[in-house]
Amino acid sequence: DVQLQASGGGLVQPGESLRLSCAASGFTFDDYIIGWFRQAPGKERERVACISTAVAATYYADSVKGRFTTSSDNAKSTVYLQMNSLKPEDTAVYYCAVVSLGRGWGAFIASEMDSWGKGTQVTVSS
């Protein structure tokens, strides 16, 4: 079974950084697109970033481009989301999720994901 566990959330001030981790098991990294969604109170879950180790490609939402970086350590079966220059609007519960690479990049949307991990809360506030 695919298992995903996100961690690393917390409370930070605007402009600070956090690194989220997603520990994964039960599947081969190269077979999946692995990435991050977030959901703020009263808002829909939105995709943030994702990575495919098989094709060495990444995707970032416009709202986080230049500030967030996702990476993968296949040996540790872990995907990371480095979040710099955090803003109050980044406050949300962050989830990691996977979808089969065979379904294409277009399948990396909330309604199409194959598996989800439990979220981790990120709060950006002064």
PDB file of N, CA and C in Angstrom:
ATOM      1  N   ASP A   1       0.838  -1.190   0.000  1.00  0.00           N
ATOM      2  CA  ASP A   1       0.000   0.000   0.000  1.00  0.00           C
ATOM      3  C   ASP A   1       0.877   1.246   0.000  1.00  0.00           C
ATOM      4  N   VAL A   2       0.422   2.255  -0.751  1.00  0.00           N
ATOM      5  CA  VAL A   2       1.100   3.538  -0.743  1.00  0.00           C
ATOM      6  C   VAL A   2       0.829   4.226   0.584  1.00  0.00           C
ATOM      7  N   GLN A   3       1.902   4.680   1.221  1.00  0.00           N
ATOM      8  CA  GLN A   3       1.769   5.453   2.449  1.00  0.00           C
ATOM      9  C   GLN A   3       2.596   6.722   2.329  1.00  0.00           C
ATOM     10  N   LEU A   4       2.000   7.822   2.758  1.00  0.00           N
ATOM     11  CA  LEU A   4       2.651   9.121   2.695  1.00  0.00           C
ATOM     12  C   LEU A   4       2.462   9.816   4.039  1.00  0.00           C
ATOM     13  N   GLN A   5       3.517  10.432   4.537  1.00  0.00           N
ATOM     14  CA  GLN A   5       3.434  11.133   5.811  1.00  0.00           C
ATOM     15  C   GLN A   5       4.169  12.452   5.711  1.00  0.00           C
ATOM     16  N   ALA A   6       3.411  13.529   5.750  1.00  0.00           N
ATOM     17  CA  ALA A   6       4.003  14.867   5.693  1.00  0.00           C
ATOM     18  C   ALA A   6       4.356  15.344   7.091  1.00  0.00           C
ATOM     19  N   SER A   7       5.443  16.107   7.180  1.00  0.00           N
ATOM     20  CA  SER A   7       5.855  16.677   8.459  1.00  0.00           C
ATOM     21  C   SER A   7       6.644  17.949   8.203  1.00  0.00           C
ATOM     22  N   GLY A   8       6.905  18.684   9.275  1.00  0.00           N
ATOM     23  CA  GLY A   8       7.736  19.864   9.161  1.00  0.00           C
ATOM     24  C   GLY A   8       7.011  21.188   9.250  1.00  0.00           C
ATOM     25  N   GLY A   9       5.701  21.135   9.376  1.00  0.00           N
ATOM     26  CA  GLY A   9       4.945  22.377   9.479  1.00  0.00           C
ATOM     27  C   GLY A   9       5.211  23.086  10.791  1.00  0.00           C
ATOM     28  N   GLY A  10       4.705  24.315  10.883  1.00  0.00           N
ATOM     29  CA  GLY A  10       4.872  25.067  12.115  1.00  0.00           C
ATOM     30  C   GLY A  10       4.412  26.493  11.955  1.00  0.00           C
ATOM     31  N   LEU A  11       4.736  27.287  12.955  1.00  0.00           N
ATOM     32  CA  LEU A  11       4.395  28.706  12.963  1.00  0.00           C
ATOM     33  C   LEU A  11       5.657  29.511  12.713  1.00  0.00           C
ATOM     34  N   VAL A  12       5.633  30.338  11.680  1.00  0.00           N
ATOM     35  CA  VAL A  12       6.773  31.187  11.365  1.00  0.00           C
ATOM     36  C   VAL A  12       6.292  32.595  11.072  1.00  0.00           C
ATOM     37  N   GLN A  13       7.242  33.522  11.075  1.00  0.00           N
ATOM     38  CA  GLN A  13       6.913  34.905  10.739  1.00  0.00           C
ATOM     39  C   GLN A  13       7.079  35.124   9.240  1.00  0.00           C
ATOM     40  N   PRO A  14       6.412  36.126   8.701  1.00  0.00           N
ATOM     41  CA  PRO A  14       6.597  36.440   7.275  1.00  0.00           C
ATOM     42  C   PRO A  14       8.072  36.636   6.935  1.00  0.00           C
ATOM     43  N   GLY A  15       8.461  36.092   5.796  1.00  0.00           N
ATOM     44  CA  GLY A  15       9.841  36.189   5.353  1.00  0.00           C
ATOM     45  C   GLY A  15      10.719  35.034   5.779  1.00  0.00           C
ATOM     46  N   GLU A  16      10.238  34.229   6.716  1.00  0.00           N
ATOM     47  CA  GLU A  16      11.029  33.098   7.183  1.00  0.00           C
ATOM     48  C   GLU A  16      10.837  31.874   6.284  1.00  0.00           C
ATOM     49  N   SER A  17      11.531  30.799   6.653  1.00  0.00           N
ATOM     50  CA  SER A  17      11.523  29.590   5.831  1.00  0.00           C
ATOM     51  C   SER A  17      11.087  28.379   6.641  1.00  0.00           C
ATOM     52  N   LEU A  18      10.589  27.387   5.919  1.00  0.00           N
ATOM     53  CA  LEU A  18      10.279  26.076   6.488  1.00  0.00           C
ATOM     54  C   LEU A  18      10.601  25.037   5.432  1.00  0.00           C
ATOM     55  N   ARG A  19      10.926  23.836   5.879  1.00  0.00           N
ATOM     56  CA  ARG A  19      11.085  22.718   4.957  1.00  0.00           C
ATOM     57  C   ARG A  19      10.139  21.602   5.375  1.00  0.00           C
ATOM     58  N   LEU A  20       9.251  21.252   4.462  1.00  0.00           N
ATOM     59  CA  LEU A  20       8.354  20.129   4.688  1.00  0.00           C
ATOM     60  C   LEU A  20       8.973  18.863   4.123  1.00  0.00           C
ATOM     61  N   SER A  21       8.680  17.742   4.767  1.00  0.00           N
ATOM     62  CA  SER A  21       9.128  16.441   4.296  1.00  0.00           C
ATOM     63  C   SER A  21       7.925  15.544   4.079  1.00  0.00           C
ATOM     64  N   CYS A  22       8.022  14.688   3.090  1.00  0.00           N
ATOM     65  CA  CYS A  22       6.987  13.685   2.837  1.00  0.00           C
ATOM     66  C   CYS A  22       7.683  12.339   2.764  1.00  0.00           C
ATOM     67  N   ALA A  23       7.533  11.547   3.814  1.00  0.00           N
ATOM     68  CA  ALA A  23       8.105  10.208   3.841  1.00  0.00           C
ATOM     69  C   ALA A  23       7.159   9.257   3.132  1.00  0.00           C
ATOM     70  N   ALA A  24       7.679   8.533   2.167  1.00  0.00           N
ATOM     71  CA  ALA A  24       6.833   7.692   1.321  1.00  0.00           C
ATOM     72  C   ALA A  24       7.254   6.230   1.385  1.00  0.00           C
ATOM     73  N   SER A  25       6.310   5.352   1.167  1.00  0.00           N
ATOM     74  CA  SER A  25       6.608   3.927   1.110  1.00  0.00           C
ATOM     75  C   SER A  25       5.529   3.218   0.314  1.00  0.00           C
ATOM     76  N   GLY A  26       5.852   2.029  -0.149  1.00  0.00           N
ATOM     77  CA  GLY A  26       4.876   1.202  -0.830  1.00  0.00           C
ATOM     78  C   GLY A  26       4.799   1.388  -2.326  1.00  0.00           C
ATOM     79  N   PHE A  27       5.715   2.168  -2.914  1.00  0.00           N
ATOM     80  CA  PHE A  27       5.701   2.345  -4.359  1.00  0.00           C
ATOM     81  C   PHE A  27       7.098   2.760  -4.835  1.00  0.00           C
ATOM     82  N   THR A  28       7.276   2.698  -6.136  1.00  0.00           N
ATOM     83  CA  THR A  28       8.548   3.089  -6.760  1.00  0.00           C
ATOM     84  C   THR A  28       8.458   4.545  -7.203  1.00  0.00           C
ATOM     85  N   PHE A  29       9.378   5.365  -6.714  1.00  0.00           N
ATOM     86  CA  PHE A  29       9.319   6.803  -6.991  1.00  0.00           C
ATOM     87  C   PHE A  29       9.225   7.100  -8.484  1.00  0.00           C
ATOM     88  N   ASP A  30       9.980   6.392  -9.284  1.00  0.00           N
ATOM     89  CA  ASP A  30      10.023   6.701 -10.710  1.00  0.00           C
ATOM     90  C   ASP A  30       8.682   6.455 -11.402  1.00  0.00           C
ATOM     91  N   ASP A  31       7.798   5.733 -10.772  1.00  0.00           N
ATOM     92  CA  ASP A  31       6.515   5.416 -11.393  1.00  0.00           C
ATOM     93  C   ASP A  31       5.446   6.472 -11.122  1.00  0.00           C
ATOM     94  N   TYR A  32       5.773   7.465 -10.286  1.00  0.00           N
ATOM     95  CA  TYR A  32       4.763   8.420  -9.842  1.00  0.00           C
ATOM     96  C   TYR A  32       5.247   9.861  -9.944  1.00  0.00           C
ATOM     97  N   ILE A  33       4.294  10.751 -10.067  1.00  0.00           N
ATOM     98  CA  ILE A  33       4.501  12.173  -9.822  1.00  0.00           C
ATOM     99  C   ILE A  33       4.147  12.383  -8.353  1.00  0.00           C
ATOM    100  N   ILE A  34       5.060  13.021  -7.625  1.00  0.00           N
ATOM    101  CA  ILE A  34       4.876  13.208  -6.183  1.00  0.00           C
ATOM    102  C   ILE A  34       4.870  14.705  -5.917  1.00  0.00           C
ATOM    103  N   GLY A  35       3.936  15.143  -5.130  1.00  0.00           N
ATOM    104  CA  GLY A  35       3.932  16.577  -4.915  1.00  0.00           C
ATOM    105  C   GLY A  35       3.090  17.044  -3.749  1.00  0.00           C
ATOM    106  N   TRP A  36       2.798  18.318  -3.778  1.00  0.00           N
ATOM    107  CA  TRP A  36       2.216  19.016  -2.662  1.00  0.00           C
ATOM    108  C   TRP A  36       0.974  19.811  -3.063  1.00  0.00           C
ATOM    109  N   PHE A  37      -0.015  19.732  -2.197  1.00  0.00           N
ATOM    110  CA  PHE A  37      -1.196  20.565  -2.275  1.00  0.00           C
ATOM    111  C   PHE A  37      -1.307  21.323  -0.950  1.00  0.00           C
ATOM    112  N   ARG A  38      -2.123  22.347  -0.960  1.00  0.00           N
ATOM    113  CA  ARG A  38      -2.425  23.034   0.288  1.00  0.00           C
ATOM    114  C   ARG A  38      -3.888  23.459   0.296  1.00  0.00           C
ATOM    115  N   GLN A  39      -4.408  23.596   1.510  1.00  0.00           N
ATOM    116  CA  GLN A  39      -5.798  24.015   1.654  1.00  0.00           C
ATOM    117  C   GLN A  39      -5.906  24.958   2.833  1.00  0.00           C
ATOM    118  N   ALA A  40      -6.327  26.166   2.521  1.00  0.00           N
ATOM    119  CA  ALA A  40      -6.561  27.176   3.546  1.00  0.00           C
ATOM    120  C   ALA A  40      -8.026  27.125   3.964  1.00  0.00           C
ATOM    121  N   PRO A  41      -8.342  27.606   5.160  1.00  0.00           N
ATOM    122  CA  PRO A  41      -9.738  27.575   5.621  1.00  0.00           C
ATOM    123  C   PRO A  41     -10.670  28.257   4.639  1.00  0.00           C
ATOM    124  N   GLY A  42     -11.747  27.578   4.269  1.00  0.00           N
ATOM    125  CA  GLY A  42     -12.743  28.156   3.383  1.00  0.00           C
ATOM    126  C   GLY A  42     -12.358  28.162   1.914  1.00  0.00           C
ATOM    127  N   LYS A  43     -11.212  27.573   1.592  1.00  0.00           N
ATOM    128  CA  LYS A  43     -10.764  27.573   0.198  1.00  0.00           C
ATOM    129  C   LYS A  43     -10.616  26.148  -0.319  1.00  0.00           C
ATOM    130  N   GLU A  44     -10.583  26.042  -1.629  1.00  0.00           N
ATOM    131  CA  GLU A  44     -10.385  24.734  -2.239  1.00  0.00           C
ATOM    132  C   GLU A  44      -8.921  24.307  -2.109  1.00  0.00           C
ATOM    133  N   ARG A  45      -8.726  22.999  -2.161  1.00  0.00           N
ATOM    134  CA  ARG A  45      -7.366  22.477  -2.137  1.00  0.00           C
ATOM    135  C   ARG A  45      -6.692  22.849  -3.459  1.00  0.00           C
ATOM    136  N   GLU A  46      -5.504  23.413  -3.391  1.00  0.00           N
ATOM    137  CA  GLU A  46      -4.807  23.844  -4.589  1.00  0.00           C
ATOM    138  C   GLU A  46      -3.445  23.151  -4.681  1.00  0.00           C
ATOM    139  N   ARG A  47      -3.031  22.899  -5.904  1.00  0.00           N
ATOM    140  CA  ARG A  47      -1.728  22.277  -6.081  1.00  0.00           C
ATOM    141  C   ARG A  47      -0.644  23.329  -5.938  1.00  0.00           C
ATOM    142  N   VAL A  48       0.460  22.907  -5.368  1.00  0.00           N
ATOM    143  CA  VAL A  48       1.554  23.821  -5.065  1.00  0.00           C
ATOM    144  C   VAL A  48       2.780  23.492  -5.910  1.00  0.00           C
ATOM    145  N   ALA A  49       3.209  22.243  -5.858  1.00  0.00           N
ATOM    146  CA  ALA A  49       4.424  21.842  -6.562  1.00  0.00           C
ATOM    147  C   ALA A  49       4.443  20.335  -6.687  1.00  0.00           C
ATOM    148  N   CYS A  50       5.167  19.846  -7.700  1.00  0.00           N
ATOM    149  CA  CYS A  50       5.322  18.402  -7.815  1.00  0.00           C
ATOM    150  C   CYS A  50       6.600  18.082  -8.563  1.00  0.00           C
ATOM    151  N   ILE A  51       6.988  16.823  -8.475  1.00  0.00           N
ATOM    152  CA  ILE A  51       8.242  16.387  -9.073  1.00  0.00           C
ATOM    153  C   ILE A  51       8.084  14.991  -9.641  1.00  0.00           C
ATOM    154  N   SER A  52       8.764  14.771 -10.763  1.00  0.00           N
ATOM    155  CA  SER A  52       8.892  13.427 -11.316  1.00  0.00           C
ATOM    156  C   SER A  52      10.373  13.115 -11.399  1.00  0.00           C
ATOM    157  N   THR A  53      10.811  12.111 -10.650  1.00  0.00           N
ATOM    158  CA  THR A  53      12.223  11.752 -10.700  1.00  0.00           C
ATOM    159  C   THR A  53      12.555  11.024 -12.006  1.00  0.00           C
ATOM    160  N   ALA A  54      11.572  10.382 -12.603  1.00  0.00           N
ATOM    161  CA  ALA A  54      11.821   9.621 -13.830  1.00  0.00           C
ATOM    162  C   ALA A  54      12.185  10.527 -14.995  1.00  0.00           C
ATOM    163  N   VAL A  55      11.513  11.681 -15.068  1.00  0.00           N
ATOM    164  CA  VAL A  55      11.768  12.587 -16.183  1.00  0.00           C
ATOM    165  C   VAL A  55      12.480  13.852 -15.726  1.00  0.00           C
ATOM    166  N   ALA A  56      12.887  13.872 -14.440  1.00  0.00           N
ATOM    167  CA  ALA A  56      13.636  15.012 -13.889  1.00  0.00           C
ATOM    168  C   ALA A  56      12.928  16.332 -14.170  1.00  0.00           C
ATOM    169  N   ALA A  57      11.665  16.396 -13.815  1.00  0.00           N
ATOM    170  CA  ALA A  57      10.879  17.610 -14.075  1.00  0.00           C
ATOM    171  C   ALA A  57      10.129  18.017 -12.822  1.00  0.00           C
ATOM    172  N   THR A  58       9.874  19.316 -12.733  1.00  0.00           N
ATOM    173  CA  THR A  58       9.113  19.857 -11.617  1.00  0.00           C
ATOM    174  C   THR A  58       8.047  20.817 -12.130  1.00  0.00           C
ATOM    175  N   TYR A  59       7.079  21.054 -11.276  1.00  0.00           N
ATOM    176  CA  TYR A  59       6.020  22.013 -11.562  1.00  0.00           C
ATOM    177  C   TYR A  59       5.824  22.869 -10.318  1.00  0.00           C
ATOM    178  N   TYR A  60       5.542  24.158 -10.543  1.00  0.00           N
ATOM    179  CA  TYR A  60       5.243  25.057  -9.426  1.00  0.00           C
ATOM    180  C   TYR A  60       4.048  25.927  -9.787  1.00  0.00           C
ATOM    181  N   ALA A  61       3.184  26.132  -8.820  1.00  0.00           N
ATOM    182  CA  ALA A  61       2.112  27.095  -9.003  1.00  0.00           C
ATOM    183  C   ALA A  61       2.709  28.492  -9.095  1.00  0.00           C
ATOM    184  N   ASP A  62       2.058  29.361  -9.836  1.00  0.00           N
ATOM    185  CA  ASP A  62       2.571  30.724 -10.007  1.00  0.00           C
ATOM    186  C   ASP A  62       2.744  31.434  -8.665  1.00  0.00           C
ATOM    187  N   SER A  63       1.871  31.118  -7.725  1.00  0.00           N
ATOM    188  CA  SER A  63       1.898  31.801  -6.438  1.00  0.00           C
ATOM    189  C   SER A  63       3.137  31.465  -5.598  1.00  0.00           C
ATOM    190  N   VAL A  64       3.842  30.389  -5.940  1.00  0.00           N
ATOM    191  CA  VAL A  64       5.011  29.996  -5.149  1.00  0.00           C
ATOM    192  C   VAL A  64       6.301  29.970  -5.963  1.00  0.00           C
ATOM    193  N   LYS A  65       6.199  30.212  -7.244  1.00  0.00           N
ATOM    194  CA  LYS A  65       7.381  30.165  -8.106  1.00  0.00           C
ATOM    195  C   LYS A  65       8.434  31.142  -7.610  1.00  0.00           C
ATOM    196  N   GLY A  66       9.679  30.677  -7.559  1.00  0.00           N
ATOM    197  CA  GLY A  66      10.769  31.522  -7.096  1.00  0.00           C
ATOM    198  C   GLY A  66      10.951  31.506  -5.591  1.00  0.00           C
ATOM    199  N   ARG A  67       9.983  30.985  -4.856  1.00  0.00           N
ATOM    200  CA  ARG A  67      10.076  30.940  -3.391  1.00  0.00           C
ATOM    201  C   ARG A  67      10.133  29.510  -2.863  1.00  0.00           C
ATOM    202  N   PHE A  68       9.437  28.603  -3.513  1.00  0.00           N
ATOM    203  CA  PHE A  68       9.378  27.211  -3.074  1.00  0.00           C
ATOM    204  C   PHE A  68      10.179  26.337  -4.025  1.00  0.00           C
ATOM    205  N   THR A  69      10.790  25.302  -3.461  1.00  0.00           N
ATOM    206  CA  THR A  69      11.522  24.330  -4.255  1.00  0.00           C
ATOM    207  C   THR A  69      11.194  22.930  -3.754  1.00  0.00           C
ATOM    208  N   THR A  70      10.836  22.046  -4.677  1.00  0.00           N
ATOM    209  CA  THR A  70      10.594  20.663  -4.299  1.00  0.00           C
ATOM    210  C   THR A  70      11.739  19.803  -4.803  1.00  0.00           C
ATOM    211  N   SER A  71      12.090  18.798  -4.019  1.00  0.00           N
ATOM    212  CA  SER A  71      13.180  17.903  -4.385  1.00  0.00           C
ATOM    213  C   SER A  71      12.890  16.523  -3.829  1.00  0.00           C
ATOM    214  N   SER A  72      13.665  15.571  -4.300  1.00  0.00           N
ATOM    215  CA  SER A  72      13.431  14.187  -3.912  1.00  0.00           C
ATOM    216  C   SER A  72      14.741  13.515  -3.535  1.00  0.00           C
ATOM    217  N   ASP A  73      14.713  12.749  -2.472  1.00  0.00           N
ATOM    218  CA  ASP A  73      15.834  11.899  -2.102  1.00  0.00           C
ATOM    219  C   ASP A  73      15.327  10.463  -2.183  1.00  0.00           C
ATOM    220  N   ASN A  74      15.559   9.843  -3.342  1.00  0.00           N
ATOM    221  CA  ASN A  74      15.016   8.504  -3.559  1.00  0.00           C
ATOM    222  C   ASN A  74      15.581   7.493  -2.564  1.00  0.00           C
ATOM    223  N   ALA A  75      16.829   7.653  -2.169  1.00  0.00           N
ATOM    224  CA  ALA A  75      17.449   6.719  -1.222  1.00  0.00           C
ATOM    225  C   ALA A  75      16.728   6.746   0.123  1.00  0.00           C
ATOM    226  N   LYS A  76      16.195   7.908   0.470  1.00  0.00           N
ATOM    227  CA  LYS A  76      15.454   8.034   1.728  1.00  0.00           C
ATOM    228  C   LYS A  76      13.951   7.946   1.520  1.00  0.00           C
ATOM    229  N   SER A  77      13.531   7.766   0.274  1.00  0.00           N
ATOM    230  CA  SER A  77      12.095   7.712  -0.051  1.00  0.00           C
ATOM    231  C   SER A  77      11.365   8.920   0.523  1.00  0.00           C
ATOM    232  N   THR A  78      11.951  10.065   0.317  1.00  0.00           N
ATOM    233  CA  THR A  78      11.409  11.295   0.892  1.00  0.00           C
ATOM    234  C   THR A  78      11.414  12.407  -0.152  1.00  0.00           C
ATOM    235  N   VAL A  79      10.335  13.159  -0.159  1.00  0.00           N
ATOM    236  CA  VAL A  79      10.223  14.345  -1.001  1.00  0.00           C
ATOM    237  C   VAL A  79      10.157  15.551  -0.069  1.00  0.00           C
ATOM    238  N   TYR A  80      10.796  16.628  -0.498  1.00  0.00           N
ATOM    239  CA  TYR A  80      10.875  17.824   0.325  1.00  0.00           C
ATOM    240  C   TYR A  80      10.211  19.006  -0.374  1.00  0.00           C
ATOM    241  N   LEU A  81       9.738  19.938   0.418  1.00  0.00           N
ATOM    242  CA  LEU A  81       9.263  21.218  -0.090  1.00  0.00           C
ATOM    243  C   LEU A  81       9.943  22.299   0.739  1.00  0.00           C
ATOM    244  N   GLN A  82      10.928  22.940   0.144  1.00  0.00           N
ATOM    245  CA  GLN A  82      11.616  24.053   0.791  1.00  0.00           C
ATOM    246  C   GLN A  82      10.833  25.321   0.504  1.00  0.00           C
ATOM    247  N   MET A  83      10.383  25.973   1.555  1.00  0.00           N
ATOM    248  CA  MET A  83       9.547  27.160   1.405  1.00  0.00           C
ATOM    249  C   MET A  83      10.287  28.355   1.987  1.00  0.00           C
ATOM    250  N   ASN A  84      10.648  29.285   1.125  1.00  0.00           N
ATOM    251  CA  ASN A  84      11.360  30.492   1.539  1.00  0.00           C
ATOM    252  C   ASN A  84      10.463  31.715   1.365  1.00  0.00           C
ATOM    253  N   SER A  85      10.849  32.788   2.006  1.00  0.00           N
ATOM    254  CA  SER A  85      10.113  34.057   1.894  1.00  0.00           C
ATOM    255  C   SER A  85       8.621  33.838   2.104  1.00  0.00           C
ATOM    256  N   LEU A  86       8.287  33.154   3.158  1.00  0.00           N
ATOM    257  CA  LEU A  86       6.887  32.811   3.399  1.00  0.00           C
ATOM    258  C   LEU A  86       6.034  34.050   3.640  1.00  0.00           C
ATOM    259  N   LYS A  87       4.799  33.972   3.178  1.00  0.00           N
ATOM    260  CA  LYS A  87       3.843  35.060   3.292  1.00  0.00           C
ATOM    261  C   LYS A  87       2.626  34.576   4.092  1.00  0.00           C
ATOM    262  N   PRO A  88       1.888  35.487   4.676  1.00  0.00           N
ATOM    263  CA  PRO A  88       0.673  35.074   5.398  1.00  0.00           C
ATOM    264  C   PRO A  88      -0.282  34.261   4.522  1.00  0.00           C
ATOM    265  N   GLU A  89      -0.336  34.569   3.236  1.00  0.00           N
ATOM    266  CA  GLU A  89      -1.233  33.829   2.341  1.00  0.00           C
ATOM    267  C   GLU A  89      -0.767  32.404   2.055  1.00  0.00           C
ATOM    268  N   ASP A  90       0.409  32.046   2.531  1.00  0.00           N
ATOM    269  CA  ASP A  90       0.861  30.654   2.426  1.00  0.00           C
ATOM    270  C   ASP A  90       0.305  29.790   3.563  1.00  0.00           C
ATOM    271  N   THR A  91      -0.353  30.420   4.508  1.00  0.00           N
ATOM    272  CA  THR A  91      -0.940  29.685   5.634  1.00  0.00           C
ATOM    273  C   THR A  91      -1.977  28.695   5.135  1.00  0.00           C
ATOM    274  N   ALA A  92      -1.791  27.433   5.479  1.00  0.00           N
ATOM    275  CA  ALA A  92      -2.681  26.371   5.019  1.00  0.00           C
ATOM    276  C   ALA A  92      -2.234  25.046   5.627  1.00  0.00           C
ATOM    277  N   VAL A  93      -3.060  24.049   5.443  1.00  0.00           N
ATOM    278  CA  VAL A  93      -2.624  22.680   5.706  1.00  0.00           C
ATOM    279  C   VAL A  93      -2.014  22.159   4.408  1.00  0.00           C
ATOM    280  N   TYR A  94      -0.810  21.631   4.501  1.00  0.00           N
ATOM    281  CA  TYR A  94      -0.100  21.141   3.336  1.00  0.00           C
ATOM    282  C   TYR A  94      -0.144  19.612   3.318  1.00  0.00           C
ATOM    283  N   TYR A  95      -0.457  19.074   2.143  1.00  0.00           N
ATOM    284  CA  TYR A  95      -0.563  17.634   1.952  1.00  0.00           C
ATOM    285  C   TYR A  95       0.396  17.174   0.862  1.00  0.00           C
ATOM    286  N   CYS A  96       0.967  15.989   1.040  1.00  0.00           N
ATOM    287  CA  CYS A  96       1.669  15.381  -0.077  1.00  0.00           C
ATOM    288  C   CYS A  96       0.762  14.304  -0.686  1.00  0.00           C
ATOM    289  N   ALA A  97       0.958  14.087  -1.958  1.00  0.00           N
ATOM    290  CA  ALA A  97       0.092  13.169  -2.699  1.00  0.00           C
ATOM    291  C   ALA A  97       0.839  12.629  -3.904  1.00  0.00           C
ATOM    292  N   VAL A  98       0.330  11.539  -4.465  1.00  0.00           N
ATOM    293  CA  VAL A  98       0.962  10.941  -5.637  1.00  0.00           C
ATOM    294  C   VAL A  98      -0.087  10.582  -6.681  1.00  0.00           C
ATOM    295  N   VAL A  99       0.363  10.617  -7.918  1.00  0.00           N
ATOM    296  CA  VAL A  99      -0.446  10.129  -9.029  1.00  0.00           C
ATOM    297  C   VAL A  99       0.491   9.408  -9.989  1.00  0.00           C
ATOM    298  N   SER A 100      -0.007   8.381 -10.630  1.00  0.00           N
ATOM    299  CA  SER A 100       0.826   7.597 -11.544  1.00  0.00           C
ATOM    300  C   SER A 100       1.368   8.465 -12.672  1.00  0.00           C
ATOM    301  N   LEU A 101       2.658   8.372 -12.920  1.00  0.00           N
ATOM    302  CA  LEU A 101       3.276   9.136 -13.999  1.00  0.00           C
ATOM    303  C   LEU A 101       2.650   8.797 -15.345  1.00  0.00           C
ATOM    304  N   GLY A 102       2.193   7.576 -15.490  1.00  0.00           N
ATOM    305  CA  GLY A 102       1.596   7.155 -16.742  1.00  0.00           C
ATOM    306  C   GLY A 102       0.344   7.937 -17.113  1.00  0.00           C
ATOM    307  N   ARG A 103      -0.247   8.606 -16.137  1.00  0.00           N
ATOM    308  CA  ARG A 103      -1.459   9.385 -16.403  1.00  0.00           C
ATOM    309  C   ARG A 103      -1.136  10.798 -16.867  1.00  0.00           C
ATOM    310  N   GLY A 104       0.152  11.175 -16.820  1.00  0.00           N
ATOM    311  CA  GLY A 104       0.557  12.468 -17.336  1.00  0.00           C
ATOM    312  C   GLY A 104       0.481  13.590 -16.330  1.00  0.00           C
ATOM    313  N   TRP A 105       1.197  14.680 -16.628  1.00  0.00           N
ATOM    314  CA  TRP A 105       1.240  15.833 -15.729  1.00  0.00           C
ATOM    315  C   TRP A 105      -0.140  16.439 -15.509  1.00  0.00           C
ATOM    316  N   GLY A 106      -0.973  16.331 -16.499  1.00  0.00           N
ATOM    317  CA  GLY A 106      -2.305  16.906 -16.353  1.00  0.00           C
ATOM    318  C   GLY A 106      -3.143  16.253 -15.275  1.00  0.00           C
ATOM    319  N   ALA A 107      -2.714  15.058 -14.846  1.00  0.00           N
ATOM    320  CA  ALA A 107      -3.461  14.346 -13.799  1.00  0.00           C
ATOM    321  C   ALA A 107      -3.105  14.829 -12.406  1.00  0.00           C
ATOM    322  N   PHE A 108      -2.131  15.730 -12.283  1.00  0.00           N
ATOM    323  CA  PHE A 108      -1.752  16.209 -10.954  1.00  0.00           C
ATOM    324  C   PHE A 108      -2.722  17.305 -10.517  1.00  0.00           C
ATOM    325  N   ILE A 109      -3.938  16.893 -10.279  1.00  0.00           N
ATOM    326  CA  ILE A 109      -4.974  17.762  -9.721  1.00  0.00           C
ATOM    327  C   ILE A 109      -5.647  17.014  -8.588  1.00  0.00           C
ATOM    328  N   ALA A 110      -6.256  17.754  -7.681  1.00  0.00           N
ATOM    329  CA  ALA A 110      -6.757  17.157  -6.445  1.00  0.00           C
ATOM    330  C   ALA A 110      -7.700  15.987  -6.687  1.00  0.00           C
ATOM    331  N   SER A 111      -8.538  16.098  -7.688  1.00  0.00           N
ATOM    332  CA  SER A 111      -9.554  15.066  -7.924  1.00  0.00           C
ATOM    333  C   SER A 111      -8.989  13.797  -8.539  1.00  0.00           C
ATOM    334  N   GLU A 112      -7.736  13.821  -8.984  1.00  0.00           N
ATOM    335  CA  GLU A 112      -7.172  12.683  -9.710  1.00  0.00           C
ATOM    336  C   GLU A 112      -6.094  11.933  -8.944  1.00  0.00           C
ATOM    337  N   MET A 113      -5.711  12.419  -7.784  1.00  0.00           N
ATOM    338  CA  MET A 113      -4.585  11.818  -7.079  1.00  0.00           C
ATOM    339  C   MET A 113      -4.895  10.397  -6.631  1.00  0.00           C
ATOM    340  N   ASP A 114      -3.885   9.550  -6.666  1.00  0.00           N
ATOM    341  CA  ASP A 114      -4.047   8.151  -6.281  1.00  0.00           C
ATOM    342  C   ASP A 114      -4.009   7.960  -4.765  1.00  0.00           C
ATOM    343  N   SER A 115      -3.170   8.721  -4.091  1.00  0.00           N
ATOM    344  CA  SER A 115      -3.057   8.579  -2.634  1.00  0.00           C
ATOM    345  C   SER A 115      -2.675   9.903  -2.017  1.00  0.00           C
ATOM    346  N   TRP A 116      -3.128  10.087  -0.785  1.00  0.00           N
ATOM    347  CA  TRP A 116      -2.844  11.304  -0.020  1.00  0.00           C
ATOM    348  C   TRP A 116      -2.224  10.946   1.317  1.00  0.00           C
ATOM    349  N   GLY A 117      -1.368  11.842   1.801  1.00  0.00           N
ATOM    350  CA  GLY A 117      -0.906  11.734   3.168  1.00  0.00           C
ATOM    351  C   GLY A 117      -1.702  12.663   4.054  1.00  0.00           C
ATOM    352  N   LYS A 118      -1.546  12.511   5.349  1.00  0.00           N
ATOM    353  CA  LYS A 118      -2.161  13.447   6.279  1.00  0.00           C
ATOM    354  C   LYS A 118      -1.426  14.766   6.175  1.00  0.00           C
ATOM    355  N   GLY A 119      -2.124  15.844   6.406  1.00  0.00           N
ATOM    356  CA  GLY A 119      -1.532  17.150   6.231  1.00  0.00           C
ATOM    357  C   GLY A 119      -0.692  17.615   7.402  1.00  0.00           C
ATOM    358  N   THR A 120       0.053  18.686   7.142  1.00  0.00           N
ATOM    359  CA  THR A 120       0.818  19.356   8.185  1.00  0.00           C
ATOM    360  C   THR A 120       0.506  20.846   8.102  1.00  0.00           C
ATOM    361  N   GLN A 121       0.253  21.457   9.250  1.00  0.00           N
ATOM    362  CA  GLN A 121      -0.178  22.852   9.285  1.00  0.00           C
ATOM    363  C   GLN A 121       1.015  23.791   9.167  1.00  0.00           C
ATOM    364  N   VAL A 122       0.876  24.758   8.261  1.00  0.00           N
ATOM    365  CA  VAL A 122       1.849  25.837   8.132  1.00  0.00           C
ATOM    366  C   VAL A 122       1.114  27.147   8.409  1.00  0.00           C
ATOM    367  N   THR A 123       1.604  27.888   9.377  1.00  0.00           N
ATOM    368  CA  THR A 123       1.005  29.168   9.722  1.00  0.00           C
ATOM    369  C   THR A 123       2.072  30.240   9.638  1.00  0.00           C
ATOM    370  N   VAL A 124       1.787  31.263   8.832  1.00  0.00           N
ATOM    371  CA  VAL A 124       2.701  32.382   8.663  1.00  0.00           C
ATOM    372  C   VAL A 124       2.032  33.622   9.233  1.00  0.00           C
ATOM    373  N   SER A 125       2.569  34.101  10.332  1.00  0.00           N
ATOM    374  CA  SER A 125       1.921  35.220  11.026  1.00  0.00           C
ATOM    375  C   SER A 125       2.948  35.959  11.868  1.00  0.00           C
ATOM    376  N   SER A 126       2.758  37.263  11.942  1.00  0.00           N
ATOM    377  CA  SER A 126       3.615  38.073  12.802  1.00  0.00           C
ATOM    378  C   SER A 126       2.980  38.225  14.181  1.00  0.00           C
TER     379      SER A 126
END
